[in-house]
């Protein structure tokens, strides 16, 4: 789960737009992983597996919050520049 958010440069597009698109993709991926983590939580009954699911859910929620903050900062910079 310790993967860093990486931004790949696409030819012909502005760096801000590339970053915005990457953040959107990361947010969508994180939402999908969070949905899967909730589904896993609903299936397991073993206490260790439930604890693992809770840990994963909390980590993914933190990651999603971070990505939303980054996206809002990027949008605020866009508004300041325009």
N, C-alpha and C. Protein backbone atom coordinates (compact mmCIF):
# COMPACT_ATOMS: atom_id res chain seq x y z
N UNK A 1 0.82 -1.19 0.00
CA UNK A 1 0.00 0.00 0.00
C UNK A 1 0.87 1.25 0.00
N UNK A 2 2.16 1.11 0.14
CA UNK A 2 3.04 2.25 0.25
C UNK A 2 3.50 2.73 -1.12
N UNK A 3 2.61 2.80 -2.06
CA UNK A 3 3.00 3.28 -3.37
C UNK A 3 2.83 4.78 -3.45
N UNK A 4 3.78 5.43 -4.06
CA UNK A 4 3.73 6.89 -4.19
C UNK A 4 2.88 7.26 -5.39
N UNK A 5 2.30 8.45 -5.31
CA UNK A 5 1.55 8.95 -6.46
C UNK A 5 2.57 9.42 -7.48
N UNK A 6 2.53 8.84 -8.65
CA UNK A 6 3.49 9.17 -9.71
C UNK A 6 2.76 9.87 -10.83
N UNK A 7 3.39 10.89 -11.37
CA UNK A 7 2.81 11.63 -12.47
C UNK A 7 3.65 11.42 -13.71
N UNK A 8 3.01 10.93 -14.75
CA UNK A 8 3.69 10.71 -16.02
C UNK A 8 3.34 11.85 -16.95
N UNK A 9 4.32 12.35 -17.64
CA UNK A 9 4.11 13.46 -18.57
C UNK A 9 3.63 12.93 -19.91
N UNK A 10 2.52 13.47 -20.38
CA UNK A 10 2.01 13.12 -21.70
C UNK A 10 2.40 14.21 -22.67
N UNK A 11 2.71 13.83 -23.87
CA UNK A 11 3.13 14.82 -24.87
C UNK A 11 1.97 15.74 -25.25
N UNK A 12 2.31 17.02 -25.38
CA UNK A 12 1.36 17.97 -25.92
C UNK A 12 0.33 18.50 -24.94
N UNK A 13 0.38 18.13 -23.67
CA UNK A 13 -0.59 18.67 -22.73
C UNK A 13 0.12 19.43 -21.62
N UNK A 14 -0.57 20.39 -21.06
CA UNK A 14 0.00 21.23 -20.01
C UNK A 14 0.28 20.41 -18.77
N UNK A 15 1.36 20.73 -18.06
CA UNK A 15 1.69 19.97 -16.84
C UNK A 15 0.56 19.96 -15.81
N UNK A 16 -0.14 21.08 -15.66
CA UNK A 16 -1.24 21.14 -14.69
C UNK A 16 -2.37 20.20 -15.08
N UNK A 17 -2.67 20.15 -16.38
CA UNK A 17 -3.73 19.26 -16.84
C UNK A 17 -3.33 17.80 -16.68
N UNK A 18 -2.07 17.51 -16.90
CA UNK A 18 -1.58 16.15 -16.69
C UNK A 18 -1.69 15.75 -15.23
N UNK A 19 -1.30 16.66 -14.36
CA UNK A 19 -1.37 16.39 -12.93
C UNK A 19 -2.83 16.20 -12.50
N UNK A 20 -3.71 17.03 -13.01
CA UNK A 20 -5.14 16.93 -12.70
C UNK A 20 -5.68 15.57 -13.14
N UNK A 21 -5.31 15.15 -14.34
CA UNK A 21 -5.78 13.85 -14.86
C UNK A 21 -5.22 12.70 -14.03
N UNK A 22 -3.97 12.78 -13.66
CA UNK A 22 -3.36 11.74 -12.84
C UNK A 22 -4.06 11.66 -11.47
N UNK A 23 -4.35 12.82 -10.89
CA UNK A 23 -5.05 12.81 -9.61
C UNK A 23 -6.43 12.19 -9.75
N UNK A 24 -7.14 12.51 -10.81
CA UNK A 24 -8.46 11.91 -11.04
C UNK A 24 -8.34 10.39 -11.15
N UNK A 25 -7.35 9.93 -11.89
CA UNK A 25 -7.15 8.48 -12.06
C UNK A 25 -6.82 7.82 -10.72
N UNK A 26 -5.95 8.45 -9.94
CA UNK A 26 -5.59 7.91 -8.63
C UNK A 26 -6.80 7.88 -7.70
N UNK A 27 -7.62 8.93 -7.76
CA UNK A 27 -8.82 8.97 -6.93
C UNK A 27 -9.78 7.85 -7.32
N UNK A 28 -9.97 7.63 -8.60
CA UNK A 28 -10.85 6.56 -9.06
C UNK A 28 -10.32 5.19 -8.64
N UNK A 29 -9.02 5.00 -8.81
CA UNK A 29 -8.40 3.72 -8.41
C UNK A 29 -8.57 3.49 -6.91
N UNK A 30 -8.36 4.53 -6.12
CA UNK A 30 -8.50 4.42 -4.67
C UNK A 30 -9.94 4.13 -4.29
N UNK A 31 -10.91 4.76 -4.97
CA UNK A 31 -12.33 4.48 -4.71
C UNK A 31 -12.65 3.01 -4.98
N UNK A 32 -12.10 2.48 -6.06
CA UNK A 32 -12.33 1.06 -6.39
C UNK A 32 -11.72 0.15 -5.33
N UNK A 33 -10.51 0.46 -4.91
CA UNK A 33 -9.86 -0.34 -3.87
C UNK A 33 -10.62 -0.25 -2.56
N UNK A 34 -11.15 0.92 -2.24
CA UNK A 34 -11.93 1.10 -1.02
C UNK A 34 -13.23 0.30 -1.08
N UNK A 35 -13.85 0.29 -2.22
CA UNK A 35 -15.07 -0.50 -2.41
C UNK A 35 -14.78 -1.98 -2.19
N UNK A 36 -13.66 -2.44 -2.71
CA UNK A 36 -13.27 -3.84 -2.53
C UNK A 36 -12.96 -4.14 -1.07
N UNK A 37 -12.31 -3.20 -0.40
CA UNK A 37 -11.99 -3.40 1.02
C UNK A 37 -13.26 -3.50 1.86
N UNK A 38 -14.27 -2.68 1.55
CA UNK A 38 -15.54 -2.77 2.27
C UNK A 38 -16.22 -4.11 1.98
N UNK A 39 -16.15 -4.57 0.74
CA UNK A 39 -16.75 -5.86 0.39
C UNK A 39 -16.04 -6.98 1.15
N UNK A 40 -14.72 -6.92 1.24
CA UNK A 40 -13.97 -7.92 2.01
C UNK A 40 -14.37 -7.90 3.48
N UNK A 41 -14.51 -6.70 4.03
CA UNK A 41 -14.91 -6.55 5.43
C UNK A 41 -16.25 -7.23 5.68
N UNK A 42 -17.17 -7.07 4.75
CA UNK A 42 -18.50 -7.65 4.91
C UNK A 42 -18.53 -9.17 4.81
N UNK A 43 -17.47 -9.75 4.26
CA UNK A 43 -17.43 -11.20 4.05
C UNK A 43 -16.74 -11.92 5.21
N UNK A 44 -15.73 -11.32 5.78
CA UNK A 44 -14.90 -12.01 6.78
C UNK A 44 -15.52 -11.97 8.17
N UNK A 45 -15.26 -13.06 8.90
CA UNK A 45 -15.71 -13.12 10.29
C UNK A 45 -14.55 -13.37 11.26
N UNK A 46 -13.42 -13.82 10.75
CA UNK A 46 -12.25 -14.04 11.59
C UNK A 46 -11.75 -12.68 12.10
N UNK A 47 -11.53 -12.57 13.40
CA UNK A 47 -11.11 -11.27 13.97
C UNK A 47 -9.84 -10.69 13.33
N UNK A 48 -8.88 -11.53 13.02
CA UNK A 48 -7.65 -11.03 12.40
C UNK A 48 -7.92 -10.46 11.01
N UNK A 49 -8.77 -11.14 10.25
CA UNK A 49 -9.10 -10.65 8.92
C UNK A 49 -9.94 -9.38 8.98
N UNK A 50 -10.82 -9.30 9.95
CA UNK A 50 -11.62 -8.09 10.13
C UNK A 50 -10.70 -6.92 10.48
N UNK A 51 -9.75 -7.16 11.40
CA UNK A 51 -8.78 -6.11 11.75
C UNK A 51 -8.00 -5.65 10.53
N UNK A 52 -7.59 -6.60 9.71
CA UNK A 52 -6.85 -6.28 8.49
C UNK A 52 -7.70 -5.42 7.55
N UNK A 53 -8.97 -5.77 7.42
CA UNK A 53 -9.87 -5.00 6.56
C UNK A 53 -10.05 -3.58 7.09
N UNK A 54 -10.20 -3.45 8.41
CA UNK A 54 -10.37 -2.13 9.01
C UNK A 54 -9.12 -1.29 8.77
N UNK A 55 -7.94 -1.88 8.94
CA UNK A 55 -6.69 -1.18 8.69
C UNK A 55 -6.64 -0.71 7.24
N UNK A 56 -6.97 -1.59 6.32
CA UNK A 56 -6.94 -1.26 4.89
C UNK A 56 -7.93 -0.15 4.56
N UNK A 57 -9.13 -0.24 5.11
CA UNK A 57 -10.15 0.79 4.87
C UNK A 57 -9.66 2.15 5.38
N UNK A 58 -9.12 2.17 6.58
CA UNK A 58 -8.62 3.44 7.13
C UNK A 58 -7.48 4.01 6.30
N UNK A 59 -6.58 3.15 5.85
CA UNK A 59 -5.47 3.61 5.03
C UNK A 59 -5.97 4.17 3.70
N UNK A 60 -6.91 3.50 3.08
CA UNK A 60 -7.45 3.97 1.80
C UNK A 60 -8.25 5.26 1.96
N UNK A 61 -8.97 5.39 3.06
CA UNK A 61 -9.70 6.63 3.31
C UNK A 61 -8.73 7.79 3.50
N UNK A 62 -7.63 7.55 4.18
CA UNK A 62 -6.60 8.59 4.36
C UNK A 62 -5.98 8.96 3.02
N UNK A 63 -5.70 7.96 2.20
CA UNK A 63 -5.12 8.20 0.88
C UNK A 63 -6.08 9.03 0.03
N UNK A 64 -7.37 8.67 0.06
CA UNK A 64 -8.35 9.39 -0.73
C UNK A 64 -8.45 10.85 -0.26
N UNK A 65 -8.45 11.06 1.06
CA UNK A 65 -8.49 12.42 1.59
C UNK A 65 -7.28 13.23 1.12
N UNK A 66 -6.12 12.61 1.12
CA UNK A 66 -4.91 13.27 0.63
C UNK A 66 -5.07 13.66 -0.84
N UNK A 67 -5.55 12.74 -1.65
CA UNK A 67 -5.72 13.02 -3.08
C UNK A 67 -6.72 14.14 -3.31
N UNK A 68 -7.80 14.16 -2.55
CA UNK A 68 -8.79 15.24 -2.68
C UNK A 68 -8.15 16.58 -2.32
N UNK A 69 -7.37 16.61 -1.24
CA UNK A 69 -6.69 17.86 -0.86
C UNK A 69 -5.74 18.32 -1.96
N UNK A 70 -5.00 17.38 -2.54
CA UNK A 70 -4.07 17.74 -3.62
C UNK A 70 -4.83 18.29 -4.82
N UNK A 71 -5.96 17.67 -5.14
CA UNK A 71 -6.77 18.12 -6.27
C UNK A 71 -7.30 19.53 -6.01
N UNK A 72 -7.77 19.79 -4.80
CA UNK A 72 -8.27 21.12 -4.45
C UNK A 72 -7.17 22.16 -4.50
N UNK A 73 -5.97 21.81 -4.05
CA UNK A 73 -4.84 22.74 -4.14
C UNK A 73 -4.52 23.06 -5.60
N UNK A 74 -4.54 22.05 -6.43
CA UNK A 74 -4.27 22.26 -7.85
C UNK A 74 -5.33 23.16 -8.47
N UNK A 75 -6.59 22.95 -8.11
CA UNK A 75 -7.67 23.79 -8.62
C UNK A 75 -7.54 25.22 -8.12
N UNK A 76 -7.12 25.39 -6.88
CA UNK A 76 -6.94 26.73 -6.32
C UNK A 76 -5.81 27.46 -7.05
N UNK A 77 -4.73 26.76 -7.35
CA UNK A 77 -3.64 27.38 -8.11
C UNK A 77 -4.10 27.78 -9.49
N UNK A 78 -4.94 26.95 -10.08
CA UNK A 78 -5.50 27.24 -11.41
C UNK A 78 -6.33 28.51 -11.36
N UNK A 79 -7.16 28.64 -10.31
CA UNK A 79 -7.99 29.83 -10.14
C UNK A 79 -7.18 31.08 -9.90
N UNK A 80 -6.06 30.95 -9.15
CA UNK A 80 -5.20 32.11 -8.87
C UNK A 80 -4.47 32.58 -10.13
N UNK A 81 -4.14 31.63 -11.00
CA UNK A 81 -3.40 31.97 -12.21
C UNK A 81 -4.30 32.56 -13.30
N UNK A 82 -5.60 32.28 -13.21
CA UNK A 82 -6.51 32.69 -14.28
C UNK A 82 -7.23 33.90 -14.03
